[in-house]
Structure formats: C-alpha cells, structure tokens
Amino acid sequence: MADRITPGRAVYARNLGVPEDEAESMVAARAGAPYAREAFLAADGPGWSGTELFDETGFLKKDPTPVVGLR
C-alpha cells in the first residue's frame, strides 16, 4: 500500500496547485497526519484510477447518466 501514497500525494498536489511536500503538510496540518495518509492512499486507489470511470466526471462508462446533485 505504501506504493500508493506517492501517486496519491501527487493527486492532492495537482488539485491544490502546490508541490507534493507542501500538499502533504497542508493536509496534515488541517486534518492530521493519519487522515493525510489515508487520503493519499485513497486518492490512488482503484475507485479513482480504475478503467470503469470517466476521467473528468467520475461517471461509470457503462452508464454515463449524471448522478442527481452532480454536474
């Protein structure tokens, strides 16, 4: 699982518009180090990087119908 932390941290850095080390310190300062670790693990998990999702919308490729409340 540790191999997922680095790419997950990169996702947060890209979304926040900061370098990776700064993204880690920002998330840890705001939510705590344990949450930051879990967030980075999840950001590179199969739920977000699987091939069944569209990149931009997150909708399933098999049924690209928008989810209520999402644009």
C-alpha atoms as a PDB file:
ATOM      1  CA  MET A   1       0.000   0.000   0.000  1.00  0.00           C
ATOM      2  CA  ALA A   2       2.867   2.369   0.632  1.00  0.00           C
ATOM      3  CA  ASP A   3       3.428   2.478  -3.118  1.00  0.00           C
ATOM      4  CA  ARG A   4       0.029   4.229  -3.430  1.00  0.00           C
ATOM      5  CA  ILE A   5       0.955   7.106  -1.111  1.00  0.00           C
ATOM      6  CA  THR A   6       3.316   8.823  -3.553  1.00  0.00           C
ATOM      7  CA  PRO A   7       0.881   8.902  -6.505  1.00  0.00           C
ATOM      8  CA  GLY A   8      -1.968   9.847  -4.163  1.00  0.00           C
ATOM      9  CA  ARG A   9       0.080  12.732  -2.777  1.00  0.00           C
ATOM     10  CA  ALA A  10       0.699  13.832  -6.370  1.00  0.00           C
ATOM     11  CA  VAL A  11      -3.069  13.908  -6.997  1.00  0.00           C
ATOM     12  CA  TYR A  12      -3.591  16.193  -3.998  1.00  0.00           C
ATOM     13  CA  ALA A  13      -0.658  18.398  -5.023  1.00  0.00           C
ATOM     14  CA  ARG A  14      -2.044  18.784  -8.523  1.00  0.00           C
ATOM     15  CA  ASN A  15      -5.541  19.586  -7.201  1.00  0.00           C
ATOM     16  CA  LEU A  16      -4.189  22.098  -4.685  1.00  0.00           C
ATOM     17  CA  GLY A  17      -1.696  23.612  -7.148  1.00  0.00           C
ATOM     18  CA  VAL A  18       1.287  23.142  -4.829  1.00  0.00           C
ATOM     19  CA  PRO A  19       4.402  20.933  -4.679  1.00  0.00           C
ATOM     20  CA  GLU A  20       3.889  17.434  -3.251  1.00  0.00           C
ATOM     21  CA  ASP A  21       5.678  18.097   0.043  1.00  0.00           C
ATOM     22  CA  GLU A  22       3.580  21.203   0.577  1.00  0.00           C
ATOM     23  CA  ALA A  23       0.372  19.286  -0.187  1.00  0.00           C
ATOM     24  CA  GLU A  24       1.287  16.733   2.454  1.00  0.00           C
ATOM     25  CA  SER A  25       1.970  19.363   5.094  1.00  0.00           C
ATOM     26  CA  MET A  26      -1.225  21.268   4.195  1.00  0.00           C
ATOM     27  CA  VAL A  27      -3.459  18.210   4.502  1.00  0.00           C
ATOM     28  CA  ALA A  28      -1.718  17.004   7.666  1.00  0.00           C
ATOM     29  CA  ALA A  29      -1.930  20.442   9.289  1.00  0.00           C
ATOM     30  CA  ARG A  30      -5.612  20.735   8.517  1.00  0.00           C
ATOM     31  CA  ALA A  31      -6.808  17.187   9.210  1.00  0.00           C
ATOM     32  CA  GLY A  32      -3.939  15.365  10.917  1.00  0.00           C
ATOM     33  CA  ALA A  33      -1.224  13.031   9.685  1.00  0.00           C
ATOM     34  CA  PRO A  34      -3.335   9.842   9.923  1.00  0.00           C
ATOM     35  CA  TYR A  35      -6.045  11.366   7.728  1.00  0.00           C
ATOM     36  CA  ALA A  36      -3.467  12.656   5.237  1.00  0.00           C
ATOM     37  CA  ARG A  37      -2.015   9.159   4.872  1.00  0.00           C
ATOM     38  CA  GLU A  38      -5.451   7.623   4.326  1.00  0.00           C
ATOM     39  CA  ALA A  39      -6.410  10.369   1.873  1.00  0.00           C
ATOM     40  CA  PHE A  40      -3.265   9.802  -0.185  1.00  0.00           C
ATOM     41  CA  LEU A  41      -3.841   6.041  -0.184  1.00  0.00           C
ATOM     42  CA  ALA A  42      -7.437   6.504  -1.313  1.00  0.00           C
ATOM     43  CA  ALA A  43      -6.568   9.083  -3.978  1.00  0.00           C
ATOM     44  CA  ASP A  44      -4.574   6.470  -5.866  1.00  0.00           C
ATOM     45  CA  GLY A  45      -6.928   3.600  -5.094  1.00  0.00           C
ATOM     46  CA  PRO A  46      -8.817   1.535  -7.634  1.00  0.00           C
ATOM     47  CA  GLY A  47     -12.002   3.504  -7.021  1.00  0.00           C
ATOM     48  CA  TRP A  48     -10.432   6.558  -8.659  1.00  0.00           C
ATOM     49  CA  SER A  49      -7.909   5.089 -11.077  1.00  0.00           C
ATOM     50  CA  GLY A  50      -9.938   2.169 -12.422  1.00  0.00           C
ATOM     51  CA  THR A  51     -10.793   1.947 -16.095  1.00  0.00           C
ATOM     52  CA  GLU A  52     -14.559   1.877 -15.497  1.00  0.00           C
ATOM     53  CA  LEU A  53     -14.759   5.616 -14.713  1.00  0.00           C
ATOM     54  CA  PHE A  54     -14.547   8.626 -16.987  1.00  0.00           C
ATOM     55  CA  ASP A  55     -11.571  10.775 -16.033  1.00  0.00           C
ATOM     56  CA  GLU A  56     -13.320  14.117 -15.681  1.00  0.00           C
ATOM     57  CA  THR A  57     -16.787  13.233 -14.440  1.00  0.00           C
ATOM     58  CA  GLY A  58     -16.344  10.045 -12.452  1.00  0.00           C
ATOM     59  CA  PHE A  59     -19.446   8.601 -14.084  1.00  0.00           C
ATOM     60  CA  LEU A  60     -19.440   4.938 -14.947  1.00  0.00           C
ATOM     61  CA  LYS A  61     -18.574   4.243 -18.573  1.00  0.00           C
ATOM     62  CA  LYS A  62     -21.303   1.634 -18.787  1.00  0.00           C
ATOM     63  CA  ASP A  63     -23.979   4.166 -17.827  1.00  0.00           C
ATOM     64  CA  PRO A  64     -22.844   7.793 -18.236  1.00  0.00           C
ATOM     65  CA  THR A  65     -26.138   9.135 -16.860  1.00  0.00           C
ATOM     66  CA  PRO A  66     -25.411  12.048 -14.484  1.00  0.00           C
ATOM     67  CA  VAL A  67     -25.908  11.376 -10.809  1.00  0.00           C
ATOM     68  CA  VAL A  68     -28.504  13.583  -9.090  1.00  0.00           C
ATOM     69  CA  GLY A  69     -26.792  16.562  -7.500  1.00  0.00           C
ATOM     70  CA  LEU A  70     -23.640  16.356  -9.656  1.00  0.00           C
ATOM     71  CA  ARG A  71     -22.904  18.380 -12.727  1.00  0.00           C
END
